[in-house]
Amino acid sequence: MKLLPVPEVGDTPIRVLTIAGTDSGGGAGIQADSRTMALLGVHACVAVAAVTVQNSVGVSGFHEIPPETVADQVRSVVGDIGVSAAKTGMLASTAIIEAVAQVCGEVGIGGDGPIPLVVDPVAASMHGDPLLHTEALEAVRSVLIPRATLVTPNLDEVRLLTGIVVTDDHTARRAAEALIGLGARWAIVKGGHLRTSEFSTDLLFDGEHFHELTAPRISTGNDHGGGDTLAASTACALAHGYDMPEAVAFGKEWTTRCLQAAYDLGAGHGPVSPLWRLHEN
């Protein structure tokens, strides 16, 4: 695949901000975002929204960071270092979502601002463990998604946000339309968990045009952090000036390569891995 340009030694790289939760097992969340960003030659800035207690088997608890502290991290980074794109992941609560949406408006992230925002509306771990208080779904719909340059839910999150159960191309298109109806500029409905063929087809929509992005389906149980990796790599491509279809296509190809390189870890699901990049010339 054609990779993003890597800065020369000593040059300041492009910066991308992730606003998300940690993963103590290192497979998803801020750890996955930072790993992908680093291996794409991007400097990762972080605003920690929650600290999880998790491993390869599941999430046994999480601690929310005070909303004002989350917002202050964003202000501090953007005011001094500057970023060319941002993404959100686990935000845990209504109060944190509202604080993040407000500070993003202040500093020009998402909405009509100059800094694109990829919203990964994390609601539960891949094991089904909740990572978002149920009542916070309405804040995701009404406050966060309207700021999204791109929203990237998995199929369970699509169902929770829109009430649409995606089973085929028709319901995927309905779901994409519903996500745009919530205020996102672009929406992607991912087909990775829709195991109806040997290919995985994601549907990208801007309110007028549908774009189909297809890749071979990778058969692996080690797919922890796949959604984070797609959102983070797409944000990196947007930071480099790619248009949205190009950025999402890049993110999908990157994530496919990371799925191919996934490894066993612990007794449960191992992570997708961008470490393959270390072996490329």
Protein backbone atom coordinates (compact mmCIF):
# COMPACT_ATOMS: atom_id res chain seq x y z
CA MET A 1 0.00 0.00 0.00
CA LYS A 2 1.07 3.60 -0.48
CA LEU A 3 1.92 4.94 2.98
CA LEU A 4 1.80 8.48 4.30
CA PRO A 5 5.03 10.48 4.01
CA VAL A 6 7.35 10.08 6.98
CA PRO A 7 9.10 13.21 8.30
CA GLU A 8 12.84 13.49 8.12
CA VAL A 9 14.75 12.94 11.34
CA GLY A 10 14.51 16.11 13.43
CA ASP A 11 11.61 17.56 11.46
CA THR A 12 8.37 18.27 13.30
CA PRO A 13 5.74 15.78 12.14
CA ILE A 14 2.06 16.38 11.57
CA ARG A 15 0.10 16.20 14.84
CA VAL A 16 -3.20 14.40 15.43
CA LEU A 17 -5.17 14.45 18.69
CA THR A 18 -6.99 11.46 20.15
CA ILE A 19 -9.62 12.09 22.83
CA ALA A 20 -10.41 8.68 24.25
CA GLY A 21 -9.98 6.12 27.00
CA THR A 22 -6.96 4.01 27.84
CA ASP A 23 -6.66 0.24 27.45
CA SER A 24 -4.51 -1.33 30.16
CA GLY A 25 -4.04 -4.35 27.89
CA GLY A 26 -2.62 -2.11 25.15
CA GLY A 27 -4.86 -3.40 22.36
CA ALA A 28 -7.38 -0.60 21.83
CA GLY A 29 -8.16 2.95 22.91
CA ILE A 30 -5.45 5.58 23.17
CA GLN A 31 -2.76 2.91 23.00
CA ALA A 32 -4.01 1.65 19.62
CA ASP A 33 -4.46 5.20 18.33
CA SER A 34 -0.96 6.26 19.36
CA ARG A 35 0.62 3.12 17.94
CA THR A 36 -0.98 3.61 14.53
CA MET A 37 -0.18 7.31 14.49
CA ALA A 38 3.48 6.72 15.35
CA LEU A 39 3.90 4.07 12.68
CA LEU A 40 2.32 6.42 10.14
CA GLY A 41 4.90 9.10 10.99
CA VAL A 42 2.42 11.24 12.93
CA HIS A 43 2.92 12.74 16.39
CA ALA A 44 0.06 11.62 18.65
CA CYS A 45 -1.35 14.07 21.18
CA VAL A 46 -3.80 12.69 23.75
CA ALA A 47 -6.65 13.84 25.95
CA VAL A 48 -7.51 11.01 28.33
CA ALA A 49 -11.26 10.76 28.96
CA ALA A 50 -11.35 7.51 30.96
CA VAL A 51 -9.04 4.88 32.38
CA THR A 52 -10.19 1.31 31.84
CA VAL A 53 -9.33 -1.88 33.68
CA GLN A 54 -9.12 -4.44 30.88
CA ASN A 55 -7.15 -7.23 29.30
CA SER A 56 -7.62 -9.57 26.36
CA VAL A 57 -10.65 -11.19 28.00
CA GLY A 58 -12.73 -8.11 28.79
CA VAL A 59 -13.29 -4.85 30.66
CA SER A 60 -13.82 -5.17 34.39
CA GLY A 61 -14.19 -1.47 35.17
CA PHE A 62 -13.39 2.10 34.22
CA HIS A 63 -12.75 5.45 35.90
CA GLU A 64 -13.96 8.66 34.28
CA ILE A 65 -11.66 11.68 34.16
CA PRO A 66 -13.36 14.90 35.35
CA PRO A 67 -14.94 16.58 32.30
CA GLU A 68 -13.15 19.88 32.87
CA THR A 69 -9.80 18.03 32.92
CA VAL A 70 -10.62 16.35 29.61
CA ALA A 71 -11.49 19.71 28.07
CA ASP A 72 -8.38 21.37 29.51
CA GLN A 73 -6.18 18.71 27.91
CA VAL A 74 -7.65 19.60 24.51
CA ARG A 75 -7.18 23.35 25.10
CA SER A 76 -3.61 22.85 26.26
CA VAL A 77 -2.58 20.76 23.27
CA VAL A 78 -4.31 22.76 20.54
CA GLY A 79 -3.26 26.12 22.01
CA ASP A 80 0.44 25.25 22.10
CA ILE A 81 1.24 22.32 19.81
CA GLY A 82 -1.57 22.57 17.27
CA VAL A 83 -3.18 19.64 15.49
CA SER A 84 -4.25 18.95 11.91
CA ALA A 85 -6.99 16.43 12.79
CA ALA A 86 -8.62 14.86 15.83
CA LYS A 87 -10.57 11.75 16.71
CA THR A 88 -12.70 10.67 19.64
CA GLY A 89 -13.11 7.22 21.13
CA MET A 90 -14.46 6.18 24.53
CA LEU A 91 -15.98 9.24 26.22
CA ALA A 92 -17.95 7.33 28.88
CA SER A 93 -20.53 9.88 30.07
CA THR A 94 -22.88 12.67 29.07
CA ALA A 95 -20.83 15.22 30.99
CA ILE A 96 -17.60 14.27 29.20
CA ILE A 97 -19.29 14.23 25.79
CA GLU A 98 -20.74 17.68 26.38
CA ALA A 99 -17.38 19.02 27.59
CA VAL A 100 -15.58 17.58 24.56
CA ALA A 101 -18.13 18.97 22.12
CA GLN A 102 -17.92 22.41 23.72
CA VAL A 103 -14.12 22.60 23.75
CA CYS A 104 -13.91 21.28 20.18
CA GLY A 105 -16.16 24.15 19.16
CA GLU A 106 -13.89 26.60 20.99
CA VAL A 107 -10.71 25.44 19.27
CA GLY A 108 -12.09 24.76 15.78
CA ILE A 109 -12.27 20.96 15.82
CA GLY A 110 -15.15 19.49 13.83
CA GLY A 111 -18.37 21.25 12.92
CA ASP A 112 -17.56 24.26 10.75
CA GLY A 113 -14.03 24.48 12.14
CA PRO A 114 -10.89 23.94 10.09
CA ILE A 115 -9.74 20.80 11.95
CA PRO A 116 -11.49 17.58 10.83
CA LEU A 117 -12.96 15.39 13.58
CA VAL A 118 -13.41 11.63 13.29
CA VAL A 119 -15.98 10.42 15.82
CA ASP A 120 -15.72 6.77 16.79
CA PRO A 121 -18.84 6.52 19.01
CA VAL A 122 -17.55 3.81 21.34
CA ALA A 123 -20.40 2.27 23.34
CA ALA A 124 -19.10 -1.18 24.28
CA SER A 125 -15.98 -3.28 24.04
CA MET A 126 -15.74 -6.11 21.52
CA HIS A 127 -16.61 -8.44 24.40
CA GLY A 128 -19.88 -6.57 25.01
CA ASP A 129 -18.68 -4.81 28.15
CA PRO A 130 -20.24 -1.32 28.43
CA LEU A 131 -17.91 1.65 27.87
CA LEU A 132 -20.64 4.30 27.74
CA HIS A 133 -23.39 5.00 30.23
CA THR A 134 -26.71 4.17 28.58
CA GLU A 135 -28.15 7.64 29.11
CA ALA A 136 -25.14 9.15 27.29
CA LEU A 137 -26.29 7.76 23.93
CA GLU A 138 -28.56 10.75 23.51
CA ALA A 139 -25.60 13.09 24.00
CA VAL A 140 -23.70 11.18 21.32
CA ARG A 141 -26.64 11.67 18.95
CA SER A 142 -27.45 15.29 19.76
CA VAL A 143 -24.10 16.83 20.75
CA LEU A 144 -21.17 14.80 19.45
CA ILE A 145 -22.23 13.47 16.04
CA PRO A 146 -23.31 16.95 14.83
CA ARG A 147 -19.65 17.98 15.24
CA ALA A 148 -18.36 14.94 13.31
CA THR A 149 -16.61 15.37 10.00
CA LEU A 150 -16.85 11.57 9.87
CA VAL A 151 -18.63 9.14 12.18
CA THR A 152 -17.39 5.52 12.26
CA PRO A 153 -19.70 3.27 14.33
CA ASN A 154 -19.56 -0.51 14.30
CA LEU A 155 -22.80 -2.35 13.59
CA ASP A 156 -23.81 -2.62 17.26
CA GLU A 157 -23.26 1.13 17.65
CA VAL A 158 -25.28 1.77 14.48
CA ARG A 159 -28.15 -0.16 16.05
CA LEU A 160 -27.90 1.72 19.35
CA LEU A 161 -27.70 5.13 17.66
CA THR A 162 -30.25 4.70 14.87
CA GLY A 163 -32.38 1.71 15.81
CA ILE A 164 -31.52 0.10 12.46
CA VAL A 165 -30.23 -3.47 12.43
CA VAL A 166 -27.89 -3.76 9.46
CA THR A 167 -28.22 -7.08 7.65
CA ASP A 168 -27.58 -6.20 4.01
CA ASP A 169 -26.81 -3.37 1.59
CA HIS A 170 -30.31 -1.89 1.85
CA THR A 171 -30.27 -1.60 5.64
CA ALA A 172 -26.66 -0.33 5.51
CA ARG A 173 -27.76 2.50 3.24
CA ARG A 174 -30.69 3.32 5.54
CA ALA A 175 -28.31 3.41 8.50
CA ALA A 176 -25.87 5.70 6.68
CA GLU A 177 -28.73 8.06 5.84
CA ALA A 178 -29.84 8.04 9.49
CA LEU A 179 -26.33 8.90 10.69
CA ILE A 180 -26.16 11.83 8.28
CA GLY A 181 -29.58 12.83 9.59
CA LEU A 182 -28.02 13.14 13.04
CA GLY A 183 -25.69 15.83 11.70
CA ALA A 184 -22.46 14.11 10.63
CA ARG A 185 -20.86 15.42 7.43
CA TRP A 186 -19.83 11.90 6.40
CA ALA A 187 -20.79 8.50 7.80
CA ILE A 188 -19.35 5.06 7.32
CA VAL A 189 -21.25 1.84 7.97
CA LYS A 190 -18.65 -0.88 8.36
CA GLY A 191 -19.21 -4.35 6.99
CA GLY A 192 -16.52 -6.21 8.90
CA HIS A 193 -18.99 -7.86 11.26
CA LEU A 194 -21.57 -8.52 8.53
CA ARG A 195 -20.25 -11.94 7.61
CA THR A 196 -22.21 -12.52 4.42
CA SER A 197 -19.32 -12.99 1.98
CA GLU A 198 -15.58 -13.45 1.70
CA PHE A 199 -15.24 -9.69 1.32
CA SER A 200 -15.76 -6.86 3.80
CA THR A 201 -17.54 -3.88 2.26
CA ASP A 202 -17.81 -0.55 4.05
CA LEU A 203 -20.34 2.03 2.89
CA LEU A 204 -19.31 5.70 2.99
CA PHE A 205 -22.01 8.39 2.56
CA ASP A 206 -22.01 12.20 2.47
CA GLY A 207 -25.74 12.77 2.23
CA GLU A 208 -25.73 12.58 -1.57
CA HIS A 209 -23.31 9.94 -2.80
CA PHE A 210 -22.48 6.43 -1.61
CA HIS A 211 -18.96 5.04 -1.91
CA GLU A 212 -18.32 1.31 -1.51
CA LEU A 213 -14.95 0.26 -0.11
CA THR A 214 -14.22 -3.45 -0.35
CA ALA A 215 -11.37 -5.57 0.97
CA PRO A 216 -10.82 -9.30 1.50
CA ARG A 217 -12.30 -10.48 4.80
CA ILE A 218 -9.53 -11.49 7.22
CA SER A 219 -10.43 -14.57 9.24
CA THR A 220 -9.00 -13.96 12.71
CA GLY A 221 -10.19 -13.80 16.28
CA ASN A 222 -7.47 -11.25 16.98
CA ASP A 223 -9.29 -8.08 15.98
CA HIS A 224 -9.14 -6.06 19.21
CA GLY A 225 -8.69 -2.36 18.41
CA GLY A 226 -9.76 -2.64 14.77
CA GLY A 227 -12.27 0.20 15.01
CA ASP A 228 -9.79 2.47 16.77
CA THR A 229 -7.18 1.69 14.13
CA LEU A 230 -9.53 2.54 11.25
CA ALA A 231 -10.56 5.85 12.85
CA ALA A 232 -6.99 6.81 13.79
CA SER A 233 -5.48 6.01 10.39
CA THR A 234 -8.29 7.86 8.62
CA ALA A 235 -7.68 10.89 10.86
CA CYS A 236 -3.98 10.75 9.96
CA ALA A 237 -4.81 10.73 6.25
CA LEU A 238 -7.17 13.69 6.69
CA ALA A 239 -4.39 15.52 8.54
CA HIS A 240 -2.20 15.00 5.45
CA GLY A 241 -4.84 16.66 3.28
CA TYR A 242 -6.54 13.60 1.77
CA ASP A 243 -10.16 14.11 0.79
CA MET A 244 -12.66 11.96 2.67
CA PRO A 245 -13.06 9.03 0.24
CA GLU A 246 -9.27 8.81 -0.15
CA ALA A 247 -8.74 9.02 3.62
CA VAL A 248 -11.27 6.30 4.41
CA ALA A 249 -9.88 4.07 1.64
CA PHE A 250 -6.42 4.55 3.13
CA GLY A 251 -7.73 3.77 6.63
CA LYS A 252 -9.44 0.61 5.42
CA GLU A 253 -6.33 -0.64 3.64
CA TRP A 254 -4.18 0.14 6.68
CA THR A 255 -6.59 -1.68 8.99
CA THR A 256 -6.71 -4.70 6.66
CA ARG A 257 -2.92 -4.94 6.82
CA CYS A 258 -3.09 -4.62 10.62
CA LEU A 259 -5.64 -7.44 10.76
CA GLN A 260 -3.33 -9.60 8.65
CA ALA A 261 -0.54 -8.92 11.16
CA ALA A 262 -2.66 -9.46 14.31
CA TYR A 263 -1.13 -11.64 17.01
CA ASP A 264 -2.17 -13.75 19.99
CA LEU A 265 -2.13 -12.01 23.35
CA GLY A 266 -3.43 -13.37 26.65
CA ALA A 267 -6.34 -15.79 26.86
CA GLY A 268 -8.80 -13.77 24.77
CA HIS A 269 -8.68 -11.62 21.67
CA GLY A 270 -5.31 -10.32 20.54
CA PRO A 271 -4.86 -6.91 18.91
CA VAL A 272 -4.65 -5.83 15.32
CA SER A 273 -1.07 -4.80 14.74
CA PRO A 274 0.56 -1.96 12.80
CA LEU A 275 3.97 -3.45 13.63
CA TRP A 276 4.10 -4.87 10.08
CA ARG A 277 5.12 -1.35 9.11
CA LEU A 278 8.52 -1.94 10.71
CA HIS A 279 9.29 -4.54 8.04
CA GLU A 280 8.41 -2.34 5.06
CA ASN A 281 11.11 -0.54 3.09
